[in-house]
Protein backbone atom coordinates (compact mmCIF):
# COMPACT_ATOMS: atom_id res chain seq x y z
CA MET A 1 -4.32 1.17 18.09
CA THR A 2 -5.14 -2.93 18.60
CA GLU A 3 -3.62 -5.85 17.84
CA SER A 4 -6.50 -6.77 15.13
CA GLN A 5 -6.30 -3.58 13.42
CA HIS A 6 -2.21 -3.81 13.09
CA ARG A 7 -2.49 -7.38 11.76
CA PHE A 8 -5.27 -6.53 10.02
CA LEU A 9 -3.05 -3.71 8.06
CA LYS A 10 -0.33 -5.91 7.56
CA ALA A 11 -2.91 -8.38 6.03
CA ILE A 12 -3.66 -5.17 3.44
CA ALA A 13 0.61 -4.73 3.24
CA GLU A 14 0.77 -9.13 2.16
CA ARG A 15 -2.28 -7.91 -0.39
CA VAL A 16 -1.12 -3.84 -2.00
CA THR A 17 2.22 -3.02 -2.67
CA THR A 18 2.51 -0.60 -0.02
CA GLY A 19 4.75 1.80 -2.14
CA LEU A 20 1.72 2.40 -3.96
CA ILE A 21 -1.14 2.71 -1.40
CA ALA A 22 -1.94 6.68 -1.26
CA GLU A 23 -3.98 6.53 2.39
CA VAL A 24 -6.00 4.64 4.35
CA ARG A 25 -9.20 5.11 6.24
CA LEU A 26 -9.05 2.90 8.82
CA PHE A 27 -12.63 2.62 10.44
CA PRO A 28 -12.91 1.86 14.57
CA THR A 29 -13.13 -1.76 15.68
CA LEU A 30 -16.31 -2.86 16.33
CA ARG A 31 -17.27 -5.56 18.82
CA SER A 32 -20.08 -7.97 18.61
CA GLY A 33 -20.21 -10.56 21.08
CA GLN A 34 -16.95 -12.93 20.73
CA VAL A 35 -15.85 -11.24 17.55
CA ASP A 36 -14.12 -7.57 16.81
CA SER A 37 -14.76 -6.82 13.12
CA GLY A 38 -13.60 -3.84 11.37
CA VAL A 39 -13.37 -2.00 7.54
CA ALA A 40 -10.49 0.33 5.56
CA ILE A 41 -11.01 2.36 2.60
CA VAL A 42 -7.22 1.63 0.29
CA ALA A 43 -6.93 4.05 -2.12
CA VAL A 44 -3.98 2.82 -4.50
CA GLU A 45 -1.92 4.78 -6.76
CA ASP A 46 -0.54 4.09 -9.89
CA LEU A 47 -2.48 1.83 -11.19
CA VAL A 48 -2.10 -0.90 -14.15
CA ALA A 49 -5.16 -1.65 -15.34
CA PRO A 50 -6.31 -4.54 -18.47
CA ILE A 51 -7.64 -2.51 -21.49
CA ALA A 52 -11.60 -4.43 -22.11
CA ALA A 53 -11.19 -4.81 -25.38
CA GLU A 54 -13.73 -6.78 -27.51
CA SER A 55 -13.23 -9.80 -30.20
CA ASP A 56 -14.98 -9.85 -33.86
CA THR A 57 -17.82 -11.94 -31.95
CA GLY A 58 -17.97 -8.61 -29.55
CA ALA A 59 -16.96 -10.86 -26.08
CA PRO A 60 -14.73 -10.13 -24.18
CA PRO A 61 -11.12 -11.29 -24.85
CA ASP A 62 -9.93 -15.03 -23.38
CA ALA A 63 -7.61 -14.93 -20.75
CA ASP A 64 -4.95 -16.91 -23.43
CA GLU A 65 -5.39 -13.33 -25.82
CA GLY A 66 -3.46 -11.88 -23.42
CA GLN A 67 -4.44 -8.00 -22.60
CA GLU A 68 -3.15 -4.39 -23.59
CA MET A 69 -2.15 -3.24 -20.50
CA GLU A 70 -2.87 1.02 -20.05
CA ARG A 71 -1.08 2.21 -16.23
CA ILE A 72 -3.75 5.32 -15.06
CA VAL A 73 -0.62 7.97 -13.51
CA ALA A 74 -1.71 11.32 -12.85
CA ASP A 75 -0.03 14.31 -14.76
CA ASP A 76 1.97 15.39 -12.08
CA PRO A 77 3.02 12.24 -9.95
CA GLY A 78 3.18 14.31 -6.10
CA ASP A 79 -0.65 15.41 -6.99
CA THR A 80 -3.05 12.79 -5.91
CA ARG A 81 -6.36 15.51 -5.04
CA ASP A 82 -6.96 15.04 -8.36
CA ALA A 83 -6.08 11.53 -10.12
CA ARG A 84 -8.27 8.96 -9.93
CA LEU A 85 -7.32 5.98 -7.56
CA SER A 86 -8.39 2.47 -7.33
CA ILE A 87 -10.47 1.91 -4.35
CA LEU A 88 -10.19 -1.48 -2.76
CA THR A 89 -13.02 -2.11 0.40
CA ALA A 90 -10.83 -4.32 3.38
CA ARG A 91 -12.59 -6.74 5.84
CA PHE A 92 -11.66 -8.52 8.71
CA ARG A 93 -13.39 -10.52 11.43
CA HIS A 94 -11.76 -11.93 14.51
CA THR A 95 -12.86 -14.27 17.11
CA VAL A 96 -11.21 -13.20 20.21
CA LYS A 97 -12.92 -15.44 22.80
CA GLY A 98 -14.76 -18.80 22.24
CA PRO A 99 -14.29 -22.01 20.97
CA ASP A 100 -13.54 -20.70 17.85
CA ARG A 101 -10.78 -18.20 19.29
CA GLY A 102 -7.88 -16.86 17.34
CA LYS A 103 -10.16 -17.27 13.58
CA TRP A 104 -8.91 -14.60 11.14
CA GLU A 105 -11.07 -14.14 8.38
CA PHE A 106 -9.81 -11.34 5.94
CA ASP A 107 -10.91 -10.34 2.09
CA ILE A 108 -9.86 -7.02 0.29
CA VAL A 109 -11.62 -6.03 -2.84
CA HIS A 110 -11.80 -3.60 -5.72
CA ASP A 111 -15.10 -1.19 -5.53
CA ALA A 112 -14.04 1.64 -7.65
CA ASP A 113 -11.79 4.09 -9.58
CA ALA A 114 -11.76 7.49 -7.93
CA PRO A 115 -10.28 11.13 -6.69
CA LEU A 116 -9.41 11.34 -3.13
CA VAL A 117 -12.28 14.16 -2.66
CA THR A 118 -14.17 11.94 -3.75
CA ILE A 119 -13.35 9.67 -1.20
CA GLU A 120 -13.21 11.59 0.85
CA SER A 121 -16.78 12.87 1.32
CA VAL A 122 -18.62 9.38 0.64
CA VAL A 123 -16.39 8.15 3.75
CA ARG A 124 -17.84 11.28 5.24
CA GLY A 125 -21.26 10.05 4.13
CA VAL A 126 -21.22 6.82 5.55
CA THR A 127 -19.92 7.81 8.89
CA ASN A 128 -22.79 9.76 8.99
CA ARG A 129 -25.52 7.29 8.30
CA ALA A 130 -23.88 4.37 10.32
CA GLY A 131 -23.45 6.43 13.69
CA VAL A 132 -20.13 5.46 14.22
CA GLU A 133 -18.53 7.46 17.10
CA GLY A 134 -15.46 9.06 15.93
CA GLU A 135 -14.04 9.40 12.31
CA PRO A 136 -12.11 6.81 10.36
CA GLU A 137 -8.69 7.00 11.08
CA LEU A 138 -6.22 8.84 8.25
CA LEU A 139 -3.43 6.70 7.45
CA THR A 140 -1.16 7.82 4.54
CA GLY A 141 1.10 5.90 3.21
CA ASP A 142 3.66 7.02 4.70
CA ASP A 143 1.98 6.61 7.93
CA PHE A 144 0.94 3.05 6.51
CA GLN A 145 4.16 2.13 6.15
CA ARG A 146 5.87 3.07 9.14
CA VAL A 147 2.69 1.39 11.30
CA LEU A 148 3.99 -1.74 9.59
CA SER A 149 7.29 -1.34 10.67
CA GLU A 150 6.28 -0.74 14.78
CA PRO A 151 4.95 -2.50 17.76
CA TRP A 152 1.60 -2.45 17.45
CA TRP A 153 1.38 -1.40 21.41
CA THR A 154 3.14 1.69 20.58
CA THR A 155 0.97 2.97 17.42
CA PRO A 156 -1.28 6.31 18.72
CA ALA A 157 -5.21 4.80 18.37
């Protein structure tokens, strides 16, 4: 694992409760000139999501009106294979050379809700179409937490 990837995983942990992460698919870092960039797919379980109730006018409710919350969980909390998980896409850009050396950009967005089996097939398709060498590294929720607690140079690539 590279220093940039480790920093990337720590940035994800700052935005997502690590105990809710089911798995992370960490794609290989790409270097283009002076910039390293990377992508990870993060599957998060036990979501709390707003219910989009419409008002009398047919418009979505105002933020001030408050929203009911619905907890989305699997029937068996230990079985996440068929449970719908929140799928987040995280990206980073790290300038490693040149006048902007050290510049760091990070973002993470919610893309979908899907079971892990769907994620596996999508990741396989993206990897095939992109022609990227190697598979994305799969980190379970426990692996993710372990990686965060270890120095980056001790974590196997």
